[in-house]
C-alpha cells in the first residue's frame, strides 16, 4: 500500500492528556483497500508501523493503532493494539 508521511495526518485532536492523529484509507467501500485471502488460509496479516520521535528521560507514550473492517457476513470488526513507548535508559 505504500508509506504515509507524518504531514499527511494533519493537526491532532487535542484531549485533556492526549493528542490523537488519524488517517483514513478510503472513505467508503468503493475506494477502500481490501485484504483478501483464499479459503483455508490463515487470516493473519502483518502491518509495519514506524515512528520517529524524541523522548526525554521519564517520557512514556501510548501508541494505538485501530483497523476497522467488515467480516464476510457484513458485520463490523475492529482490531486494536497498543504499545507503550519509553525513553531508552542511559
C-alpha atoms as a PDB file:
ATOM      1  CA  UNK A   1       0.000   0.000   0.000  1.00  0.00           C
ATOM      2  CA  UNK A   2       2.958   2.318   0.408  1.00  0.00           C
ATOM      3  CA  UNK A   3       4.022   4.775   3.041  1.00  0.00           C
ATOM      4  CA  UNK A   4       2.167   7.540   4.826  1.00  0.00           C
ATOM      5  CA  UNK A   5       4.233  10.507   5.988  1.00  0.00           C
ATOM      6  CA  UNK A   6       3.552  12.404   9.191  1.00  0.00           C
ATOM      7  CA  UNK A   7       2.351  15.567   7.464  1.00  0.00           C
ATOM      8  CA  UNK A   8      -0.476  13.543   5.853  1.00  0.00           C
ATOM      9  CA  UNK A   9      -2.082  13.190   9.294  1.00  0.00           C
ATOM     10  CA  UNK A  10      -2.728  16.924   9.696  1.00  0.00           C
ATOM     11  CA  UNK A  11      -3.375  18.525  13.080  1.00  0.00           C
ATOM     12  CA  UNK A  12      -4.074  16.284  16.058  1.00  0.00           C
ATOM     13  CA  UNK A  13      -7.289  16.124  18.028  1.00  0.00           C
ATOM     14  CA  UNK A  14      -6.329  17.516  21.448  1.00  0.00           C
ATOM     15  CA  UNK A  15      -7.723  15.808  24.546  1.00  0.00           C
ATOM     16  CA  UNK A  16      -7.036  16.568  28.205  1.00  0.00           C
ATOM     17  CA  UNK A  17      -3.927  14.359  28.319  1.00  0.00           C
ATOM     18  CA  UNK A  18      -3.813  13.110  24.728  1.00  0.00           C
ATOM     19  CA  UNK A  19      -3.081  14.034  21.148  1.00  0.00           C
ATOM     20  CA  UNK A  20      -4.790  11.865  18.521  1.00  0.00           C
ATOM     21  CA  UNK A  21      -3.844  11.760  14.845  1.00  0.00           C
ATOM     22  CA  UNK A  22      -5.968   9.834  12.356  1.00  0.00           C
ATOM     23  CA  UNK A  23      -5.515   8.738   8.780  1.00  0.00           C
ATOM     24  CA  UNK A  24      -8.322   7.201   6.760  1.00  0.00           C
ATOM     25  CA  UNK A  25      -7.627   4.884   3.831  1.00  0.00           C
ATOM     26  CA  UNK A  26     -10.736   5.096   1.669  1.00  0.00           C
ATOM     27  CA  UNK A  27     -13.923   6.937   2.583  1.00  0.00           C
ATOM     28  CA  UNK A  28     -16.386   4.222   1.546  1.00  0.00           C
ATOM     29  CA  UNK A  29     -16.493   0.575   0.426  1.00  0.00           C
ATOM     30  CA  UNK A  30     -15.870   1.541  -3.200  1.00  0.00           C
ATOM     31  CA  UNK A  31     -12.437   3.077  -2.583  1.00  0.00           C
ATOM     32  CA  UNK A  32     -11.396   1.013   0.459  1.00  0.00           C
ATOM     33  CA  UNK A  33      -8.283  -1.179   0.357  1.00  0.00           C
ATOM     34  CA  UNK A  34      -9.361  -4.792   0.773  1.00  0.00           C
ATOM     35  CA  UNK A  35      -7.299  -7.599   2.238  1.00  0.00           C
ATOM     36  CA  UNK A  36      -8.395 -10.851   0.663  1.00  0.00           C
ATOM     37  CA  UNK A  37      -7.113 -14.374   1.033  1.00  0.00           C
ATOM     38  CA  UNK A  38      -8.076 -17.781  -0.375  1.00  0.00           C
ATOM     39  CA  UNK A  39     -10.165 -20.322   1.526  1.00  0.00           C
ATOM     40  CA  UNK A  40      -8.368 -22.364   4.223  1.00  0.00           C
ATOM     41  CA  UNK A  41      -5.538 -19.835   4.566  1.00  0.00           C
ATOM     42  CA  UNK A  42      -4.642 -18.341   7.946  1.00  0.00           C
ATOM     43  CA  UNK A  43      -6.117 -14.830   8.091  1.00  0.00           C
ATOM     44  CA  UNK A  44      -3.044 -13.244   9.636  1.00  0.00           C
ATOM     45  CA  UNK A  45      -1.519 -10.118   8.130  1.00  0.00           C
ATOM     46  CA  UNK A  46       1.450  -8.076   9.298  1.00  0.00           C
ATOM     47  CA  UNK A  47       1.383  -4.287   9.301  1.00  0.00           C
ATOM     48  CA  UNK A  48       4.552  -2.284   9.851  1.00  0.00           C
ATOM     49  CA  UNK A  49       4.373   0.971  11.789  1.00  0.00           C
ATOM     50  CA  UNK A  50       7.401   3.178  12.267  1.00  0.00           C
ATOM     51  CA  UNK A  51       7.598   6.241  14.495  1.00  0.00           C
ATOM     52  CA  UNK A  52      10.432   8.726  14.598  1.00  0.00           C
ATOM     53  CA  UNK A  53      10.161  10.548  17.931  1.00  0.00           C
ATOM     54  CA  UNK A  54      12.466  12.094  20.518  1.00  0.00           C
ATOM     55  CA  UNK A  55      11.632  11.202  24.115  1.00  0.00           C
ATOM     56  CA  UNK A  56      13.072  12.785  27.221  1.00  0.00           C
ATOM     57  CA  UNK A  57      14.026  10.685  30.244  1.00  0.00           C
ATOM     58  CA  UNK A  58      10.874   9.542  32.003  1.00  0.00           C
ATOM     59  CA  UNK A  59       8.601  10.101  28.982  1.00  0.00           C
ATOM     60  CA  UNK A  60       6.059   7.339  28.383  1.00  0.00           C
ATOM     61  CA  UNK A  61       3.747   7.420  25.372  1.00  0.00           C
ATOM     62  CA  UNK A  62       0.931   5.059  24.464  1.00  0.00           C
ATOM     63  CA  UNK A  63       0.671   4.297  20.725  1.00  0.00           C
ATOM     64  CA  UNK A  64      -2.531   2.634  19.499  1.00  0.00           C
ATOM     65  CA  UNK A  65      -3.455   1.503  16.006  1.00  0.00           C
ATOM     66  CA  UNK A  66      -7.039   0.533  15.191  1.00  0.00           C
ATOM     67  CA  UNK A  67      -8.165  -1.144  11.982  1.00  0.00           C
ATOM     68  CA  UNK A  68     -11.859  -1.244  11.132  1.00  0.00           C
ATOM     69  CA  UNK A  69     -13.143  -3.814   8.697  1.00  0.00           C
ATOM     70  CA  UNK A  70     -16.027  -5.955   7.560  1.00  0.00           C
ATOM     71  CA  UNK A  71     -16.458  -9.680   8.056  1.00  0.00           C
ATOM     72  CA  UNK A  72     -17.712 -11.850   5.198  1.00  0.00           C
ATOM     73  CA  UNK A  73     -21.250 -11.583   6.607  1.00  0.00           C
ATOM     74  CA  UNK A  74     -21.064  -7.769   6.516  1.00  0.00           C
ATOM     75  CA  UNK A  75     -20.673  -7.276  10.270  1.00  0.00           C
ATOM     76  CA  UNK A  76     -18.140  -4.757  11.567  1.00  0.00           C
ATOM     77  CA  UNK A  77     -14.883  -5.974  13.059  1.00  0.00           C
ATOM     78  CA  UNK A  78     -12.305  -3.917  14.933  1.00  0.00           C
ATOM     79  CA  UNK A  79      -8.654  -4.822  15.549  1.00  0.00           C
ATOM     80  CA  UNK A  80      -6.744  -2.735  18.089  1.00  0.00           C
ATOM     81  CA  UNK A  81      -3.247  -2.981  19.529  1.00  0.00           C
ATOM     82  CA  UNK A  82      -1.455  -0.623  21.926  1.00  0.00           C
ATOM     83  CA  UNK A  83       2.274  -0.277  22.578  1.00  0.00           C
ATOM     84  CA  UNK A  84       3.967   1.737  25.343  1.00  0.00           C
ATOM     85  CA  UNK A  85       6.938   3.818  24.208  1.00  0.00           C
ATOM     86  CA  UNK A  86       9.560   4.827  26.773  1.00  0.00           C
ATOM     87  CA  UNK A  87      12.820   6.728  26.561  1.00  0.00           C
ATOM     88  CA  UNK A  88      15.850   4.426  26.476  1.00  0.00           C
ATOM     89  CA  UNK A  89      17.842   4.181  29.701  1.00  0.00           C
ATOM     90  CA  UNK A  90      21.309   5.693  29.583  1.00  0.00           C
END
